[in-house]
Every structure is written in structure tokens, then in C-alpha cells.
Amino acid sequence: MPTETFTFADEPLPKSEPKQPPSDAQRLLDWLQEWKKPVVSTRDIRIYGPRPLRDRKIATSSVEVLVRHGFLAEPTEKRQRNWHQWRVVQKGLIVHPTVAT
């Protein structure tokens, strides 16, 4: 039979750590796991990506973090020189990849 536990009004509740929201780079990485194309552009991220990444500065800074960690790489050719595109690097089977901050 399971043991019952009681809490009383004068006992302090157990403290739980406040959960921090994921970083913008982590949100982008999670979204890229569902992206089916081999190349992603800034335009794709700003249109189809998570809502916090719709700002150009936030999107480019998040992409730079993922490039540094090896999740994105520059493609070999571009259609136009002013387009910003990256090749999505698949790092094996990773269930929940995380970006170290």
C-alpha cells in the first residue's frame, strides 16, 4: 500500500529552480531539426522560423552561434552574392541537441 505524505502550513514548500527559456540559438537548432531542405537562408528563418527569430539581428546572431558550433556551414555556391545561405549539417542521430552557451 502506498505511503501518504502530508504537508503542513508551517512547513516550507520545496524550492524549485525557475526554468529559463531556451536561447534563440537553441530555438533555431530545434527548428532546424524539422527543416527538410539541405540549405536554409535568412529569409527562410525569418518567414518560417520561430517567432522570436523573425528579427534580422536576432536571426543572424543565432545563425553565427550555430556556425561556430558546427550545426550550420556556408554553402559552396550562392545564386546571388547578397544572399545569406547556410548548409544544414546533420550530426548523426541526436535526439535533443543542445547549444553550449
PDB file of N, CA and C in Angstrom:
ATOM      1  N   MET A   1       0.842  -1.162   0.000  1.00  0.00           N
ATOM      2  CA  MET A   1       0.000   0.000   0.000  1.00  0.00           C
ATOM      3  C   MET A   1       0.899   1.241   0.000  1.00  0.00           C
ATOM      4  N   PRO A   2       0.601   2.259  -0.837  1.00  0.00           N
ATOM      5  CA  PRO A   2       1.461   3.440  -0.903  1.00  0.00           C
ATOM      6  C   PRO A   2       1.397   4.264   0.375  1.00  0.00           C
ATOM      7  N   THR A   3       2.509   4.878   0.690  1.00  0.00           N
ATOM      8  CA  THR A   3       2.596   5.709   1.881  1.00  0.00           C
ATOM      9  C   THR A   3       2.116   7.113   1.558  1.00  0.00           C
ATOM     10  N   GLU A   4       1.327   7.676   2.439  1.00  0.00           N
ATOM     11  CA  GLU A   4       0.831   9.028   2.224  1.00  0.00           C
ATOM     12  C   GLU A   4       1.804  10.021   2.834  1.00  0.00           C
ATOM     13  N   THR A   5       1.997  11.138   2.153  1.00  0.00           N
ATOM     14  CA  THR A   5       2.818  12.204   2.716  1.00  0.00           C
ATOM     15  C   THR A   5       1.928  13.420   2.921  1.00  0.00           C
ATOM     16  N   PHE A   6       2.158  14.094   4.009  1.00  0.00           N
ATOM     17  CA  PHE A   6       1.357  15.253   4.350  1.00  0.00           C
ATOM     18  C   PHE A   6       2.244  16.481   4.384  1.00  0.00           C
ATOM     19  N   THR A   7       1.700  17.597   3.945  1.00  0.00           N
ATOM     20  CA  THR A   7       2.405  18.865   4.101  1.00  0.00           C
ATOM     21  C   THR A   7       1.570  19.736   5.012  1.00  0.00           C
ATOM     22  N   PHE A   8       2.246  20.426   5.877  1.00  0.00           N
ATOM     23  CA  PHE A   8       1.556  21.273   6.830  1.00  0.00           C
ATOM     24  C   PHE A   8       1.821  22.724   6.489  1.00  0.00           C
ATOM     25  N   ALA A   9       0.979  23.598   6.967  1.00  0.00           N
ATOM     26  CA  ALA A   9       1.062  25.010   6.617  1.00  0.00           C
ATOM     27  C   ALA A   9       2.360  25.640   7.101  1.00  0.00           C
ATOM     28  N   ASP A  10       2.915  25.153   8.209  1.00  0.00           N
ATOM     29  CA  ASP A  10       4.127  25.775   8.722  1.00  0.00           C
ATOM     30  C   ASP A  10       5.404  25.208   8.080  1.00  0.00           C
ATOM     31  N   GLU A  11       5.307  24.161   7.266  1.00  0.00           N
ATOM     32  CA  GLU A  11       6.475  23.616   6.580  1.00  0.00           C
ATOM     33  C   GLU A  11       6.711  24.374   5.275  1.00  0.00           C
ATOM     34  N   PRO A  12       7.959  24.728   4.999  1.00  0.00           N
ATOM     35  CA  PRO A  12       8.221  25.425   3.726  1.00  0.00           C
ATOM     36  C   PRO A  12       8.090  24.447   2.549  1.00  0.00           C
ATOM     37  N   LEU A  13       7.589  24.975   1.461  1.00  0.00           N
ATOM     38  CA  LEU A  13       7.465  24.151   0.265  1.00  0.00           C
ATOM     39  C   LEU A  13       8.841  23.910  -0.334  1.00  0.00           C
ATOM     40  N   PRO A  14       9.035  22.761  -0.964  1.00  0.00           N
ATOM     41  CA  PRO A  14      10.336  22.538  -1.598  1.00  0.00           C
ATOM     42  C   PRO A  14      10.545  23.553  -2.719  1.00  0.00           C
ATOM     43  N   LYS A  15      11.766  24.094  -2.768  1.00  0.00           N
ATOM     44  CA  LYS A  15      12.062  25.120  -3.773  1.00  0.00           C
ATOM     45  C   LYS A  15      12.372  24.472  -5.109  1.00  0.00           C
ATOM     46  N   SER A  16      11.775  25.009  -6.129  1.00  0.00           N
ATOM     47  CA  SER A  16      12.083  24.543  -7.477  1.00  0.00           C
ATOM     48  C   SER A  16      12.792  25.681  -8.201  1.00  0.00           C
ATOM     49  N   GLU A  17      13.782  25.309  -8.987  1.00  0.00           N
ATOM     50  CA  GLU A  17      14.543  26.322  -9.702  1.00  0.00           C
ATOM     51  C   GLU A  17      13.687  26.897 -10.828  1.00  0.00           C
ATOM     52  N   PRO A  18      13.744  28.203 -11.021  1.00  0.00           N
ATOM     53  CA  PRO A  18      12.966  28.784 -12.121  1.00  0.00           C
ATOM     54  C   PRO A  18      13.519  28.305 -13.461  1.00  0.00           C
ATOM     55  N   LYS A  19      12.623  27.922 -14.330  1.00  0.00           N
ATOM     56  CA  LYS A  19      13.029  27.392 -15.629  1.00  0.00           C
ATOM     57  C   LYS A  19      13.317  28.552 -16.571  1.00  0.00           C
ATOM     58  N   GLN A  20      14.515  28.552 -17.126  1.00  0.00           N
ATOM     59  CA  GLN A  20      14.895  29.609 -18.051  1.00  0.00           C
ATOM     60  C   GLN A  20      14.393  29.257 -19.442  1.00  0.00           C
ATOM     61  N   PRO A  21      13.935  30.251 -20.187  1.00  0.00           N
ATOM     62  CA  PRO A  21      13.513  29.973 -21.561  1.00  0.00           C
ATOM     63  C   PRO A  21      14.738  29.612 -22.404  1.00  0.00           C
ATOM     64  N   PRO A  22      14.554  28.805 -23.440  1.00  0.00           N
ATOM     65  CA  PRO A  22      15.698  28.429 -24.271  1.00  0.00           C
ATOM     66  C   PRO A  22      16.261  29.645 -25.005  1.00  0.00           C
ATOM     67  N   SER A  23      17.560  29.595 -25.286  1.00  0.00           N
ATOM     68  CA  SER A  23      18.176  30.697 -26.005  1.00  0.00           C
ATOM     69  C   SER A  23      17.670  30.720 -27.444  1.00  0.00           C
ATOM     70  N   ASP A  24      17.909  31.826 -28.113  1.00  0.00           N
ATOM     71  CA  ASP A  24      17.463  31.955 -29.504  1.00  0.00           C
ATOM     72  C   ASP A  24      18.171  30.946 -30.397  1.00  0.00           C
ATOM     73  N   ALA A  25      19.456  30.706 -30.138  1.00  0.00           N
ATOM     74  CA  ALA A  25      20.193  29.722 -30.933  1.00  0.00           C
ATOM     75  C   ALA A  25      19.631  28.319 -30.720  1.00  0.00           C
ATOM     76  N   GLN A  26      19.227  28.014 -29.494  1.00  0.00           N
ATOM     77  CA  GLN A  26      18.644  26.703 -29.213  1.00  0.00           C
ATOM     78  C   GLN A  26      17.294  26.560 -29.909  1.00  0.00           C
ATOM     79  N   ARG A  27      16.503  27.628 -29.926  1.00  0.00           N
ATOM     80  CA  ARG A  27      15.225  27.591 -30.646  1.00  0.00           C
ATOM     81  C   ARG A  27      15.448  27.350 -32.133  1.00  0.00           C
ATOM     82  N   LEU A  28      16.461  28.022 -32.694  1.00  0.00           N
ATOM     83  CA  LEU A  28      16.770  27.841 -34.113  1.00  0.00           C
ATOM     84  C   LEU A  28      17.229  26.420 -34.375  1.00  0.00           C
ATOM     85  N   LEU A  29      18.058  25.867 -33.499  1.00  0.00           N
ATOM     86  CA  LEU A  29      18.529  24.490 -33.673  1.00  0.00           C
ATOM     87  C   LEU A  29      17.372  23.502 -33.589  1.00  0.00           C
ATOM     88  N   ASP A  30      16.461  23.708 -32.662  1.00  0.00           N
ATOM     89  CA  ASP A  30      15.289  22.831 -32.559  1.00  0.00           C
ATOM     90  C   ASP A  30      14.437  22.913 -33.825  1.00  0.00           C
ATOM     91  N   TRP A  31      14.288  24.115 -34.349  1.00  0.00           N
ATOM     92  CA  TRP A  31      13.501  24.287 -35.577  1.00  0.00           C
ATOM     93  C   TRP A  31      14.209  23.644 -36.760  1.00  0.00           C
ATOM     94  N   LEU A  32      15.534  23.727 -36.812  1.00  0.00           N
ATOM     95  CA  LEU A  32      16.281  23.137 -37.929  1.00  0.00           C
ATOM     96  C   LEU A  32      16.183  21.612 -37.956  1.00  0.00           C
ATOM     97  N   GLN A  33      15.901  20.997 -36.820  1.00  0.00           N
ATOM     98  CA  GLN A  33      15.731  19.543 -36.788  1.00  0.00           C
ATOM     99  C   GLN A  33      14.512  19.125 -37.596  1.00  0.00           C
ATOM    100  N   GLU A  34      13.551  20.023 -37.766  1.00  0.00           N
ATOM    101  CA  GLU A  34      12.349  19.725 -38.541  1.00  0.00           C
ATOM    102  C   GLU A  34      12.428  20.249 -39.966  1.00  0.00           C
ATOM    103  N   TRP A  35      13.426  21.068 -40.274  1.00  0.00           N
ATOM    104  CA  TRP A  35      13.598  21.651 -41.606  1.00  0.00           C
ATOM    105  C   TRP A  35      14.048  20.553 -42.559  1.00  0.00           C
ATOM    106  N   LYS A  36      13.336  20.367 -43.665  1.00  0.00           N
ATOM    107  CA  LYS A  36      13.584  19.236 -44.558  1.00  0.00           C
ATOM    108  C   LYS A  36      14.560  19.550 -45.693  1.00  0.00           C
ATOM    109  N   LYS A  37      14.872  20.825 -45.925  1.00  0.00           N
ATOM    110  CA  LYS A  37      15.748  21.184 -47.026  1.00  0.00           C
ATOM    111  C   LYS A  37      17.210  21.170 -46.571  1.00  0.00           C
ATOM    112  N   PRO A  38      18.158  20.943 -47.498  1.00  0.00           N
ATOM    113  CA  PRO A  38      19.571  20.895 -47.105  1.00  0.00           C
ATOM    114  C   PRO A  38      20.179  22.270 -46.864  1.00  0.00           C
ATOM    115  N   VAL A  39      19.530  23.325 -47.351  1.00  0.00           N
ATOM    116  CA  VAL A  39      20.047  24.686 -47.218  1.00  0.00           C
ATOM    117  C   VAL A  39      18.970  25.553 -46.593  1.00  0.00           C
ATOM    118  N   VAL A  40      19.383  26.461 -45.704  1.00  0.00           N
ATOM    119  CA  VAL A  40      18.456  27.401 -45.082  1.00  0.00           C
ATOM    120  C   VAL A  40      19.020  28.808 -45.278  1.00  0.00           C
ATOM    121  N   SER A  41      18.143  29.753 -45.508  1.00  0.00           N
ATOM    122  CA  SER A  41      18.575  31.136 -45.696  1.00  0.00           C
ATOM    123  C   SER A  41      18.003  32.001 -44.579  1.00  0.00           C
ATOM    124  N   THR A  42      18.526  33.226 -44.497  1.00  0.00           N
ATOM    125  CA  THR A  42      17.999  34.168 -43.517  1.00  0.00           C
ATOM    126  C   THR A  42      16.520  34.426 -43.772  1.00  0.00           C
ATOM    127  N   ARG A  43      16.177  34.483 -45.026  1.00  0.00           N
ATOM    128  CA  ARG A  43      14.771  34.710 -45.394  1.00  0.00           C
ATOM    129  C   ARG A  43      13.882  33.563 -44.902  1.00  0.00           C
ATOM    130  N   ASP A  44      14.350  32.309 -45.074  1.00  0.00           N
ATOM    131  CA  ASP A  44      13.586  31.155 -44.587  1.00  0.00           C
ATOM    132  C   ASP A  44      13.377  31.233 -43.080  1.00  0.00           C
ATOM    133  N   ILE A  45      14.433  31.591 -42.363  1.00  0.00           N
ATOM    134  CA  ILE A  45      14.346  31.662 -40.901  1.00  0.00           C
ATOM    135  C   ILE A  45      13.358  32.739 -40.481  1.00  0.00           C
ATOM    136  N   ARG A  46      13.416  33.887 -41.151  1.00  0.00           N
ATOM    137  CA  ARG A  46      12.548  34.997 -40.763  1.00  0.00           C
ATOM    138  C   ARG A  46      11.091  34.756 -41.150  1.00  0.00           C
ATOM    139  N   ILE A  47      10.835  33.952 -42.179  1.00  0.00           N
ATOM    140  CA  ILE A  47       9.457  33.701 -42.597  1.00  0.00           C
ATOM    141  C   ILE A  47       8.874  32.474 -41.890  1.00  0.00           C
ATOM    142  N   TYR A  48       9.608  31.365 -41.901  1.00  0.00           N
ATOM    143  CA  TYR A  48       9.072  30.089 -41.404  1.00  0.00           C
ATOM    144  C   TYR A  48       9.548  29.721 -40.002  1.00  0.00           C
ATOM    145  N   GLY A  49      10.571  30.389 -39.500  1.00  0.00           N
ATOM    146  CA  GLY A  49      11.164  30.032 -38.217  1.00  0.00           C
ATOM    147  C   GLY A  49      10.319  30.437 -37.027  1.00  0.00           C
ATOM    148  N   PRO A  50      10.838  30.159 -35.838  1.00  0.00           N
ATOM    149  CA  PRO A  50      10.125  30.547 -34.615  1.00  0.00           C
ATOM    150  C   PRO A  50       9.945  32.057 -34.539  1.00  0.00           C
ATOM    151  N   ARG A  51       8.882  32.486 -33.941  1.00  0.00           N
ATOM    152  CA  ARG A  51       8.536  33.902 -33.904  1.00  0.00           C
ATOM    153  C   ARG A  51       9.629  34.792 -33.297  1.00  0.00           C
ATOM    154  N   PRO A  52      10.317  34.415 -32.225  1.00  0.00           N
ATOM    155  CA  PRO A  52      11.357  35.310 -31.695  1.00  0.00           C
ATOM    156  C   PRO A  52      12.512  35.538 -32.674  1.00  0.00           C
ATOM    157  N   LEU A  53      12.673  34.687 -33.671  1.00  0.00           N
ATOM    158  CA  LEU A  53      13.773  34.814 -34.617  1.00  0.00           C
ATOM    159  C   LEU A  53      13.398  35.607 -35.856  1.00  0.00           C
ATOM    160  N   ARG A  54      12.266  36.235 -35.871  1.00  0.00           N
ATOM    161  CA  ARG A  54      11.835  36.987 -37.048  1.00  0.00           C
ATOM    162  C   ARG A  54      12.563  38.319 -37.176  1.00  0.00           C
ATOM    163  N   ASP A  55      13.231  38.746 -36.136  1.00  0.00           N
ATOM    164  CA  ASP A  55      14.038  39.962 -36.186  1.00  0.00           C
ATOM    165  C   ASP A  55      15.382  39.623 -36.840  1.00  0.00           C
ATOM    166  N   ARG A  56      15.842  40.482 -37.748  1.00  0.00           N
ATOM    167  CA  ARG A  56      17.049  40.200 -38.523  1.00  0.00           C
ATOM    168  C   ARG A  56      18.280  40.046 -37.638  1.00  0.00           C
ATOM    169  N   LYS A  57      18.456  40.935 -36.655  1.00  0.00           N
ATOM    170  CA  LYS A  57      19.644  40.874 -35.795  1.00  0.00           C
ATOM    171  C   LYS A  57      19.651  39.607 -34.949  1.00  0.00           C
ATOM    172  N   ILE A  58      18.515  39.241 -34.416  1.00  0.00           N
ATOM    173  CA  ILE A  58      18.431  38.031 -33.588  1.00  0.00           C
ATOM    174  C   ILE A  58      18.678  36.803 -34.447  1.00  0.00           C
ATOM    175  N   ALA A  59      18.121  36.775 -35.651  1.00  0.00           N
ATOM    176  CA  ALA A  59      18.310  35.625 -36.538  1.00  0.00           C
ATOM    177  C   ALA A  59      19.779  35.470 -36.931  1.00  0.00           C
ATOM    178  N   THR A  60      20.439  36.560 -37.294  1.00  0.00           N
ATOM    179  CA  THR A  60      21.836  36.445 -37.720  1.00  0.00           C
ATOM    180  C   THR A  60      22.752  36.091 -36.555  1.00  0.00           C
ATOM    181  N   SER A  61      22.481  36.620 -35.363  1.00  0.00           N
ATOM    182  CA  SER A  61      23.329  36.256 -34.222  1.00  0.00           C
ATOM    183  C   SER A  61      23.134  34.789 -33.846  1.00  0.00           C
ATOM    184  N   SER A  62      21.918  34.276 -33.963  1.00  0.00           N
ATOM    185  CA  SER A  62      21.658  32.860 -33.669  1.00  0.00           C
ATOM    186  C   SER A  62      22.344  31.971 -34.694  1.00  0.00           C
ATOM    187  N   VAL A  63      22.319  32.389 -35.958  1.00  0.00           N
ATOM    188  CA  VAL A  63      22.987  31.619 -37.011  1.00  0.00           C
ATOM    189  C   VAL A  63      24.487  31.597 -36.763  1.00  0.00           C
ATOM    190  N   GLU A  64      25.064  32.712 -36.348  1.00  0.00           N
ATOM    191  CA  GLU A  64      26.501  32.756 -36.077  1.00  0.00           C
ATOM    192  C   GLU A  64      26.890  31.789 -34.971  1.00  0.00           C
ATOM    193  N   VAL A  65      26.052  31.679 -33.950  1.00  0.00           N
ATOM    194  CA  VAL A  65      26.323  30.728 -32.865  1.00  0.00           C
ATOM    195  C   VAL A  65      26.308  29.299 -33.408  1.00  0.00           C
ATOM    196  N   LEU A  66      25.325  28.968 -34.255  1.00  0.00           N
ATOM    197  CA  LEU A  66      25.230  27.612 -34.804  1.00  0.00           C
ATOM    198  C   LEU A  66      26.374  27.318 -35.779  1.00  0.00           C
ATOM    199  N   VAL A  67      26.855  28.335 -36.492  1.00  0.00           N
ATOM    200  CA  VAL A  67      28.012  28.133 -37.377  1.00  0.00           C
ATOM    201  C   VAL A  67      29.248  27.834 -36.535  1.00  0.00           C
ATOM    202  N   ARG A  68      29.442  28.572 -35.426  1.00  0.00           N
ATOM    203  CA  ARG A  68      30.593  28.324 -34.544  1.00  0.00           C
ATOM    204  C   ARG A  68      30.580  26.921 -33.950  1.00  0.00           C
ATOM    205  N   HIS A  69      29.390  26.399 -33.664  1.00  0.00           N
ATOM    206  CA  HIS A  69      29.279  25.067 -33.062  1.00  0.00           C
ATOM    207  C   HIS A  69      29.182  23.956 -34.101  1.00  0.00           C
ATOM    208  N   GLY A  70      29.160  24.306 -35.385  1.00  0.00           N
ATOM    209  CA  GLY A  70      29.195  23.298 -36.436  1.00  0.00           C
ATOM    210  C   GLY A  70      27.861  22.736 -36.878  1.00  0.00           C
ATOM    211  N   PHE A  71      26.755  23.345 -36.485  1.00  0.00           N
ATOM    212  CA  PHE A  71      25.447  22.864 -36.918  1.00  0.00           C
ATOM    213  C   PHE A  71      25.050  23.438 -38.278  1.00  0.00           C
ATOM    214  N   LEU A  72      25.654  24.556 -38.664  1.00  0.00           N
ATOM    215  CA  LEU A  72      25.435  25.165 -39.970  1.00  0.00           C
ATOM    216  C   LEU A  72      26.791  25.436 -40.611  1.00  0.00           C
ATOM    217  N   ALA A  73      26.837  25.333 -41.951  1.00  0.00           N
ATOM    218  CA  ALA A  73      28.067  25.613 -42.687  1.00  0.00           C
ATOM    219  C   ALA A  73      27.722  26.427 -43.923  1.00  0.00           C
ATOM    220  N   GLU A  74      28.669  27.239 -44.389  1.00  0.00           N
ATOM    221  CA  GLU A  74      28.451  28.037 -45.598  1.00  0.00           C
ATOM    222  C   GLU A  74      28.310  27.108 -46.798  1.00  0.00           C
ATOM    223  N   PRO A  75      27.335  27.344 -47.659  1.00  0.00           N
ATOM    224  CA  PRO A  75      27.224  26.525 -48.870  1.00  0.00           C
ATOM    225  C   PRO A  75      28.333  26.893 -49.860  1.00  0.00           C
ATOM    226  N   THR A  76      28.580  26.009 -50.829  1.00  0.00           N
ATOM    227  CA  THR A  76      29.660  26.240 -51.770  1.00  0.00           C
ATOM    228  C   THR A  76      29.314  27.292 -52.802  1.00  0.00           C
ATOM    229  N   GLU A  77      28.067  27.411 -53.181  1.00  0.00           N
ATOM    230  CA  GLU A  77      27.679  28.396 -54.193  1.00  0.00           C
ATOM    231  C   GLU A  77      26.404  29.104 -53.774  1.00  0.00           C
ATOM    232  N   LYS A  78      26.263  30.349 -54.230  1.00  0.00           N
ATOM    233  CA  LYS A  78      25.071  31.143 -53.953  1.00  0.00           C
ATOM    234  C   LYS A  78      24.472  31.575 -55.278  1.00  0.00           C
ATOM    235  N   ARG A  79      23.196  31.771 -55.295  1.00  0.00           N
ATOM    236  CA  ARG A  79      22.544  32.271 -56.508  1.00  0.00           C
ATOM    237  C   ARG A  79      22.871  33.743 -56.731  1.00  0.00           C
ATOM    238  N   GLN A  80      22.883  34.501 -55.665  1.00  0.00           N
ATOM    239  CA  GLN A  80      23.251  35.912 -55.721  1.00  0.00           C
ATOM    240  C   GLN A  80      24.231  36.191 -54.602  1.00  0.00           C
ATOM    241  N   ARG A  81      25.112  37.147 -54.804  1.00  0.00           N
ATOM    242  CA  ARG A  81      26.154  37.391 -53.805  1.00  0.00           C
ATOM    243  C   ARG A  81      25.624  38.013 -52.525  1.00  0.00           C
ATOM    244  N   ASN A  82      24.462  38.646 -52.544  1.00  0.00           N
ATOM    245  CA  ASN A  82      23.925  39.256 -51.335  1.00  0.00           C
ATOM    246  C   ASN A  82      22.995  38.319 -50.556  1.00  0.00           C
ATOM    247  N   TRP A  83      22.810  37.102 -51.001  1.00  0.00           N
ATOM    248  CA  TRP A  83      22.001  36.135 -50.260  1.00  0.00           C
ATOM    249  C   TRP A  83      22.847  35.515 -49.165  1.00  0.00           C
ATOM    250  N   HIS A  84      22.237  35.269 -48.041  1.00  0.00           N
ATOM    251  CA  HIS A  84      22.917  34.610 -46.939  1.00  0.00           C
ATOM    252  C   HIS A  84      22.266  33.243 -46.760  1.00  0.00           C
ATOM    253  N   GLN A  85      23.011  32.210 -47.122  1.00  0.00           N
ATOM    254  CA  GLN A  85      22.505  30.841 -47.022  1.00  0.00           C
ATOM    255  C   GLN A  85      23.524  29.989 -46.288  1.00  0.00           C
ATOM    256  N   TRP A  86      23.027  28.952 -45.618  1.00  0.00           N
ATOM    257  CA  TRP A  86      23.883  28.018 -44.905  1.00  0.00           C
ATOM    258  C   TRP A  86      23.418  26.603 -45.177  1.00  0.00           C
ATOM    259  N   ARG A  87      24.358  25.704 -45.208  1.00  0.00           N
ATOM    260  CA  ARG A  87      24.072  24.287 -45.386  1.00  0.00           C
ATOM    261  C   ARG A  87      23.839  23.698 -43.992  1.00  0.00           C
ATOM    262  N   VAL A  88      22.770  22.947 -43.836  1.00  0.00           N
ATOM    263  CA  VAL A  88      22.437  22.327 -42.553  1.00  0.00           C
ATOM    264  C   VAL A  88      23.279  21.075 -42.406  1.00  0.00           C
ATOM    265  N   VAL A  89      24.066  21.014 -41.340  1.00  0.00           N
ATOM    266  CA  VAL A  89      24.948  19.879 -41.081  1.00  0.00           C
ATOM    267  C   VAL A  89      24.216  18.913 -40.165  1.00  0.00           C
ATOM    268  N   GLN A  90      24.058  17.674 -40.622  1.00  0.00           N
ATOM    269  CA  GLN A  90      23.421  16.652 -39.807  1.00  0.00           C
ATOM    270  C   GLN A  90      24.505  15.946 -39.011  1.00  0.00           C
ATOM    271  N   LYS A  91      24.458  16.027 -37.709  1.00  0.00           N
ATOM    272  CA  LYS A  91      25.460  15.419 -36.841  1.00  0.00           C
ATOM    273  C   LYS A  91      24.943  14.103 -36.287  1.00  0.00           C
ATOM    274  N   GLY A  92      24.762  13.134 -37.136  1.00  0.00           N
ATOM    275  CA  GLY A  92      24.310  11.827 -36.680  1.00  0.00           C
ATOM    276  C   GLY A  92      22.901  11.887 -36.120  1.00  0.00           C
ATOM    277  N   LEU A  93      22.561  10.942 -35.311  1.00  0.00           N
ATOM    278  CA  LEU A  93      21.236  10.882 -34.697  1.00  0.00           C
ATOM    279  C   LEU A  93      21.334  11.494 -33.299  1.00  0.00           C
ATOM    280  N   ILE A  94      20.883  12.721 -33.183  1.00  0.00           N
ATOM    281  CA  ILE A  94      20.869  13.420 -31.893  1.00  0.00           C
ATOM    282  C   ILE A  94      19.416  13.708 -31.566  1.00  0.00           C
ATOM    283  N   VAL A  95      18.968  13.192 -30.443  1.00  0.00           N
ATOM    284  CA  VAL A  95      17.560  13.330 -30.101  1.00  0.00           C
ATOM    285  C   VAL A  95      17.232  14.772 -29.734  1.00  0.00           C
ATOM    286  N   HIS A  96      17.931  15.348 -28.774  1.00  0.00           N
ATOM    287  CA  HIS A  96      17.710  16.731 -28.362  1.00  0.00           C
ATOM    288  C   HIS A  96      19.061  17.424 -28.299  1.00  0.00           C
ATOM    289  N   PRO A  97      19.568  17.922 -29.445  1.00  0.00           N
ATOM    290  CA  PRO A  97      20.868  18.588 -29.405  1.00  0.00           C
ATOM    291  C   PRO A  97      20.766  19.898 -28.645  1.00  0.00           C
ATOM    292  N   THR A  98      21.832  20.243 -27.966  1.00  0.00           N
ATOM    293  CA  THR A  98      21.848  21.496 -27.225  1.00  0.00           C
ATOM    294  C   THR A  98      23.056  22.310 -27.661  1.00  0.00           C
ATOM    295  N   VAL A  99      22.897  23.602 -27.584  1.00  0.00           N
ATOM    296  CA  VAL A  99      23.969  24.534 -27.908  1.00  0.00           C
ATOM    297  C   VAL A  99      24.566  24.991 -26.592  1.00  0.00           C
ATOM    298  N   ALA A 100      25.859  24.782 -26.401  1.00  0.00           N
ATOM    299  CA  ALA A 100      26.518  25.229 -25.196  1.00  0.00           C
ATOM    300  C   ALA A 100      26.658  26.729 -25.227  1.00  0.00           C
ATOM    301  N   THR A 101      26.328  27.382 -24.139  1.00  0.00           N
ATOM    302  CA  THR A 101      26.412  28.839 -24.110  1.00  0.00           C
ATOM    303  C   THR A 101      27.665  29.318 -23.448  1.00  0.00           C
TER     304      THR A 101
END
